[in-house]
N, C-alpha and C. Protein backbone atom coordinates (compact mmCIF):
# COMPACT_ATOMS: atom_id res chain seq x y z
N MET A 1 78.15 94.70 63.70
CA MET A 1 79.22 95.48 64.29
C MET A 1 79.14 95.44 65.80
N GLY A 2 80.24 95.06 66.40
CA GLY A 2 80.33 95.08 67.85
C GLY A 2 80.86 96.43 68.31
N LYS A 3 80.81 96.64 69.62
CA LYS A 3 81.27 97.90 70.19
C LYS A 3 82.26 97.66 71.31
N LEU A 4 83.31 98.46 71.32
CA LEU A 4 84.23 98.51 72.43
C LEU A 4 83.98 99.83 73.14
N THR A 5 83.71 99.77 74.42
CA THR A 5 83.48 100.99 75.20
C THR A 5 84.64 101.13 76.18
N TYR A 6 85.27 102.28 76.15
CA TYR A 6 86.45 102.57 76.95
C TYR A 6 86.11 103.63 77.99
N ASP A 7 86.30 103.30 79.25
CA ASP A 7 86.09 104.24 80.35
C ASP A 7 84.70 104.89 80.32
N SER A 8 83.72 104.18 79.82
CA SER A 8 82.33 104.64 79.75
C SER A 8 82.14 105.92 78.94
N THR A 9 83.18 106.36 78.23
CA THR A 9 83.07 107.62 77.49
C THR A 9 83.29 107.48 76.00
N LEU A 10 84.17 106.58 75.59
CA LEU A 10 84.50 106.42 74.18
C LEU A 10 83.96 105.09 73.69
N THR A 11 83.26 105.11 72.57
CA THR A 11 82.75 103.89 71.97
C THR A 11 83.29 103.80 70.55
N ALA A 12 83.79 102.61 70.21
CA ALA A 12 84.31 102.38 68.86
C ALA A 12 83.66 101.13 68.29
N ASP A 13 83.32 101.16 67.02
CA ASP A 13 82.68 100.03 66.35
C ASP A 13 83.73 99.17 65.65
N PHE A 14 83.59 97.84 65.83
CA PHE A 14 84.45 96.87 65.18
C PHE A 14 83.60 95.69 64.74
N ASP A 15 84.01 95.05 63.67
CA ASP A 15 83.40 93.79 63.26
C ASP A 15 83.52 92.81 64.43
N ASP A 16 82.48 91.99 64.65
CA ASP A 16 82.51 91.04 65.77
C ASP A 16 83.75 90.15 65.76
N ARG A 17 84.18 89.74 64.59
CA ARG A 17 85.35 88.85 64.50
C ARG A 17 86.62 89.57 64.97
N ILE A 18 86.79 90.79 64.53
CA ILE A 18 87.95 91.59 64.98
C ILE A 18 87.85 91.83 66.48
N LEU A 19 86.66 92.20 66.95
CA LEU A 19 86.47 92.49 68.37
C LEU A 19 86.81 91.29 69.24
N ALA A 20 86.42 90.09 68.82
CA ALA A 20 86.73 88.88 69.60
C ALA A 20 88.24 88.68 69.71
N HIS A 21 88.97 88.94 68.65
CA HIS A 21 90.42 88.75 68.67
C HIS A 21 91.11 89.82 69.50
N ILE A 22 90.69 91.07 69.39
CA ILE A 22 91.34 92.09 70.20
C ILE A 22 90.97 91.94 71.68
N GLN A 23 89.79 91.40 71.96
CA GLN A 23 89.42 91.14 73.35
C GLN A 23 90.39 90.14 73.99
N VAL A 24 90.75 89.10 73.25
CA VAL A 24 91.70 88.10 73.76
C VAL A 24 93.04 88.76 74.06
N VAL A 25 93.53 89.57 73.13
CA VAL A 25 94.83 90.22 73.30
C VAL A 25 94.80 91.22 74.45
N ILE A 26 93.79 92.06 74.49
CA ILE A 26 93.68 93.05 75.57
C ILE A 26 93.57 92.34 76.91
N GLY A 27 92.75 91.31 76.99
CA GLY A 27 92.60 90.57 78.23
C GLY A 27 93.90 89.95 78.71
N ALA A 28 94.67 89.38 77.79
CA ALA A 28 95.95 88.77 78.16
C ALA A 28 96.92 89.81 78.71
N LYS A 29 97.00 90.94 78.04
CA LYS A 29 97.92 91.99 78.49
C LYS A 29 97.50 92.55 79.85
N LEU A 30 96.21 92.82 80.03
CA LEU A 30 95.75 93.41 81.28
C LEU A 30 95.84 92.42 82.44
N ARG A 31 95.63 91.12 82.19
CA ARG A 31 95.79 90.11 83.24
C ARG A 31 97.20 90.12 83.80
N ARG A 32 98.16 90.43 82.94
CA ARG A 32 99.56 90.48 83.38
C ARG A 32 99.91 91.84 83.97
N GLY A 33 98.94 92.74 84.04
CA GLY A 33 99.18 94.06 84.61
C GLY A 33 99.94 94.99 83.68
N GLU A 34 99.94 94.69 82.39
CA GLU A 34 100.67 95.50 81.40
C GLU A 34 99.77 96.59 80.81
N SER A 35 100.29 97.80 80.77
CA SER A 35 99.61 98.92 80.13
C SER A 35 100.17 99.09 78.72
N PHE A 36 99.33 99.58 77.79
CA PHE A 36 99.77 99.72 76.40
C PHE A 36 98.78 100.59 75.64
N TYR A 37 99.22 101.06 74.48
CA TYR A 37 98.36 101.81 73.57
C TYR A 37 97.58 100.85 72.68
N PHE A 38 96.42 101.29 72.23
CA PHE A 38 95.65 100.61 71.20
C PHE A 38 95.24 101.66 70.18
N THR A 39 95.66 101.49 68.94
CA THR A 39 95.37 102.44 67.87
C THR A 39 94.60 101.75 66.76
N TRP A 40 93.59 102.42 66.23
CA TRP A 40 92.83 101.89 65.11
C TRP A 40 92.44 103.03 64.18
N ARG A 41 92.09 102.66 62.95
CA ARG A 41 91.60 103.63 61.98
C ARG A 41 90.11 103.83 62.19
N ASP A 42 89.69 105.07 62.18
CA ASP A 42 88.28 105.39 62.35
C ASP A 42 87.54 105.19 61.04
N ASP A 43 86.25 104.97 61.16
CA ASP A 43 85.39 104.78 60.01
C ASP A 43 85.42 106.03 59.12
N PRO A 44 85.68 105.87 57.83
CA PRO A 44 85.71 107.03 56.94
C PRO A 44 84.39 107.79 56.92
N GLN A 45 83.27 107.09 57.14
CA GLN A 45 81.97 107.76 57.15
C GLN A 45 81.82 108.68 58.36
N GLY A 46 82.61 108.43 59.40
CA GLY A 46 82.57 109.28 60.59
C GLY A 46 83.66 110.34 60.58
N GLY A 47 84.30 110.53 59.44
CA GLY A 47 85.33 111.55 59.34
C GLY A 47 86.72 111.00 59.14
N GLY A 48 86.88 109.68 59.30
CA GLY A 48 88.19 109.08 59.09
C GLY A 48 89.15 109.37 60.23
N GLY A 49 90.42 109.31 59.91
CA GLY A 49 91.45 109.55 60.91
C GLY A 49 91.75 108.27 61.69
N ARG A 50 92.33 108.44 62.87
CA ARG A 50 92.62 107.30 63.72
C ARG A 50 92.46 107.70 65.17
N SER A 51 92.30 106.71 66.00
CA SER A 51 92.14 106.94 67.44
C SER A 51 93.16 106.09 68.18
N THR A 52 93.62 106.59 69.31
CA THR A 52 94.53 105.86 70.18
C THR A 52 94.05 106.02 71.61
N ILE A 53 94.02 104.90 72.34
CA ILE A 53 93.69 104.94 73.76
C ILE A 53 94.81 104.27 74.55
N TRP A 54 94.95 104.66 75.80
CA TRP A 54 95.92 104.06 76.71
C TRP A 54 95.16 103.06 77.57
N LEU A 55 95.55 101.80 77.49
CA LEU A 55 94.87 100.76 78.24
C LEU A 55 95.70 100.37 79.46
N ASN A 56 95.05 100.31 80.61
CA ASN A 56 95.68 99.77 81.80
C ASN A 56 94.62 99.10 82.65
N PRO A 57 95.02 98.25 83.58
CA PRO A 57 94.05 97.45 84.34
C PRO A 57 93.01 98.27 85.12
N GLY A 58 93.27 99.54 85.37
CA GLY A 58 92.34 100.35 86.16
C GLY A 58 91.26 101.05 85.36
N ILE A 59 91.28 100.94 84.04
CA ILE A 59 90.29 101.62 83.20
C ILE A 59 89.28 100.59 82.70
N PRO A 60 87.99 100.82 82.95
CA PRO A 60 86.98 99.84 82.52
C PRO A 60 86.82 99.79 81.00
N ILE A 61 86.67 98.56 80.51
CA ILE A 61 86.44 98.31 79.09
C ILE A 61 85.26 97.36 78.99
N ALA A 62 84.37 97.62 78.03
CA ALA A 62 83.23 96.73 77.80
C ALA A 62 83.23 96.34 76.32
N TYR A 63 82.82 95.11 76.06
CA TYR A 63 82.70 94.59 74.71
C TYR A 63 81.25 94.20 74.48
N LYS A 64 80.65 94.71 73.42
CA LYS A 64 79.27 94.38 73.08
C LYS A 64 79.26 93.85 71.66
N TYR A 65 78.81 92.61 71.52
CA TYR A 65 78.79 91.96 70.21
C TYR A 65 77.41 92.05 69.59
N PHE A 66 77.38 92.23 68.27
CA PHE A 66 76.12 92.29 67.55
C PHE A 66 75.50 90.90 67.44
N GLY A 67 76.32 89.92 67.07
CA GLY A 67 75.83 88.56 66.86
C GLY A 67 75.81 87.75 68.14
N ALA A 68 74.96 86.73 68.17
CA ALA A 68 74.86 85.86 69.34
C ALA A 68 75.92 84.77 69.33
N ARG A 69 76.46 84.44 68.17
CA ARG A 69 77.46 83.38 68.07
C ARG A 69 78.86 83.93 68.34
N THR A 70 79.65 83.14 69.05
CA THR A 70 81.04 83.51 69.28
C THR A 70 81.85 83.15 68.04
N PRO A 71 82.57 84.11 67.47
CA PRO A 71 83.38 83.80 66.29
C PRO A 71 84.49 82.81 66.64
N SER A 72 84.85 81.95 65.68
CA SER A 72 86.01 81.09 65.90
C SER A 72 87.25 81.98 65.93
N LEU A 73 88.24 81.55 66.69
CA LEU A 73 89.44 82.36 66.86
C LEU A 73 90.59 81.77 66.04
N ASN A 74 91.37 82.65 65.47
CA ASN A 74 92.54 82.28 64.68
C ASN A 74 93.77 82.58 65.53
N ARG A 75 94.44 81.53 66.00
CA ARG A 75 95.61 81.71 66.88
C ARG A 75 96.72 82.51 66.21
N GLU A 76 96.90 82.31 64.91
CA GLU A 76 97.94 83.06 64.21
C GLU A 76 97.64 84.56 64.23
N TRP A 77 96.37 84.91 64.11
CA TRP A 77 95.99 86.32 64.15
C TRP A 77 96.19 86.87 65.56
N ILE A 78 95.82 86.09 66.57
CA ILE A 78 96.04 86.53 67.96
C ILE A 78 97.52 86.78 68.19
N GLU A 79 98.37 85.88 67.70
CA GLU A 79 99.82 86.06 67.86
C GLU A 79 100.31 87.32 67.13
N ALA A 80 99.79 87.57 65.94
CA ALA A 80 100.18 88.76 65.18
C ALA A 80 99.73 90.03 65.90
N LEU A 81 98.51 90.02 66.43
CA LEU A 81 98.02 91.17 67.19
C LEU A 81 98.82 91.36 68.47
N MET A 82 99.17 90.26 69.14
CA MET A 82 99.95 90.34 70.37
C MET A 82 101.34 90.90 70.08
N PHE A 83 101.89 90.55 68.93
CA PHE A 83 103.20 91.08 68.54
C PHE A 83 103.14 92.61 68.47
N THR A 84 102.08 93.15 67.87
CA THR A 84 101.96 94.62 67.80
C THR A 84 101.74 95.20 69.19
N ALA A 85 100.94 94.52 70.01
CA ALA A 85 100.65 95.03 71.36
C ALA A 85 101.91 95.10 72.21
N ASN A 86 102.87 94.23 71.95
CA ASN A 86 104.12 94.22 72.70
C ASN A 86 105.16 95.19 72.15
N SER A 87 104.83 95.89 71.08
CA SER A 87 105.76 96.86 70.50
C SER A 87 105.55 98.23 71.14
N SER A 88 106.49 99.14 70.88
CA SER A 88 106.37 100.49 71.45
C SER A 88 105.17 101.24 70.89
N GLY A 89 104.69 100.88 69.70
CA GLY A 89 103.51 101.52 69.12
C GLY A 89 102.20 101.02 69.66
N GLY A 90 102.22 99.88 70.34
CA GLY A 90 101.02 99.31 70.92
C GLY A 90 100.19 98.50 69.94
N LEU A 91 99.06 98.02 70.43
CA LEU A 91 98.16 97.17 69.65
C LEU A 91 97.62 97.91 68.44
N GLN A 92 97.77 97.27 67.29
CA GLN A 92 97.20 97.78 66.05
C GLN A 92 96.57 96.61 65.31
N ILE A 93 95.48 96.86 64.63
CA ILE A 93 94.80 95.80 63.90
C ILE A 93 95.56 95.53 62.60
N VAL A 94 95.96 94.29 62.47
CA VAL A 94 96.68 93.84 61.27
C VAL A 94 95.76 92.87 60.53
N PRO A 95 95.99 92.67 59.23
CA PRO A 95 95.13 91.75 58.48
C PRO A 95 95.20 90.33 59.05
N GLU A 96 94.08 89.63 58.97
CA GLU A 96 94.04 88.26 59.45
C GLU A 96 94.80 87.35 58.51
N PRO A 97 95.77 86.57 59.04
CA PRO A 97 96.44 85.59 58.19
C PRO A 97 95.49 84.45 57.88
N HIS A 98 95.70 83.77 56.77
CA HIS A 98 94.88 82.62 56.44
C HIS A 98 95.16 81.54 57.47
N PRO A 99 94.11 81.05 58.13
CA PRO A 99 94.34 80.06 59.18
C PRO A 99 94.71 78.69 58.61
N THR A 100 95.57 78.02 59.33
CA THR A 100 95.84 76.63 59.01
C THR A 100 94.85 75.81 59.84
N PRO A 101 94.62 74.55 59.53
CA PRO A 101 93.61 73.77 60.26
C PRO A 101 93.81 73.74 61.77
N THR A 102 95.03 73.89 62.24
CA THR A 102 95.28 73.82 63.69
C THR A 102 95.19 75.17 64.37
N THR A 103 94.95 76.26 63.64
CA THR A 103 94.95 77.57 64.27
C THR A 103 93.58 78.09 64.62
N LEU A 104 92.53 77.40 64.24
CA LEU A 104 91.19 77.83 64.60
C LEU A 104 90.76 77.16 65.90
N THR A 105 90.21 77.93 66.80
CA THR A 105 89.72 77.39 68.07
C THR A 105 88.29 77.85 68.28
N LYS A 106 87.55 77.08 69.02
CA LYS A 106 86.18 77.46 69.38
C LYS A 106 86.19 77.97 70.81
N GLY A 107 85.11 78.62 71.19
CA GLY A 107 84.97 79.05 72.57
C GLY A 107 84.87 80.55 72.67
N THR A 108 84.59 81.00 73.85
CA THR A 108 84.45 82.42 74.08
C THR A 108 85.81 83.08 74.13
N PRO A 109 85.91 84.30 73.67
CA PRO A 109 87.17 85.02 73.66
C PRO A 109 87.63 85.37 75.06
């Protein structure tokens, strides 16, 4: 499980693969100076529910991965996540589509 730390105060756990994909989407939006919401479901063991944060270029975000290997990226999933990030509801984690051979990429997120 990787960790996303928001403004040094909120920490949320995500699978490394999910975290790598949302890092790409968040980075792309913030590079363009775009602010947006990010909503996710909380772990049921921690009480469940959901959390929402407001992301903008002035708020520090840190990503900490459990594994040493960089997960391969699925471009179709990045596009699906970006679609939600560009909506009025903001970024939400959607299921990963089955990758086609041309949608997997290597490299750091």
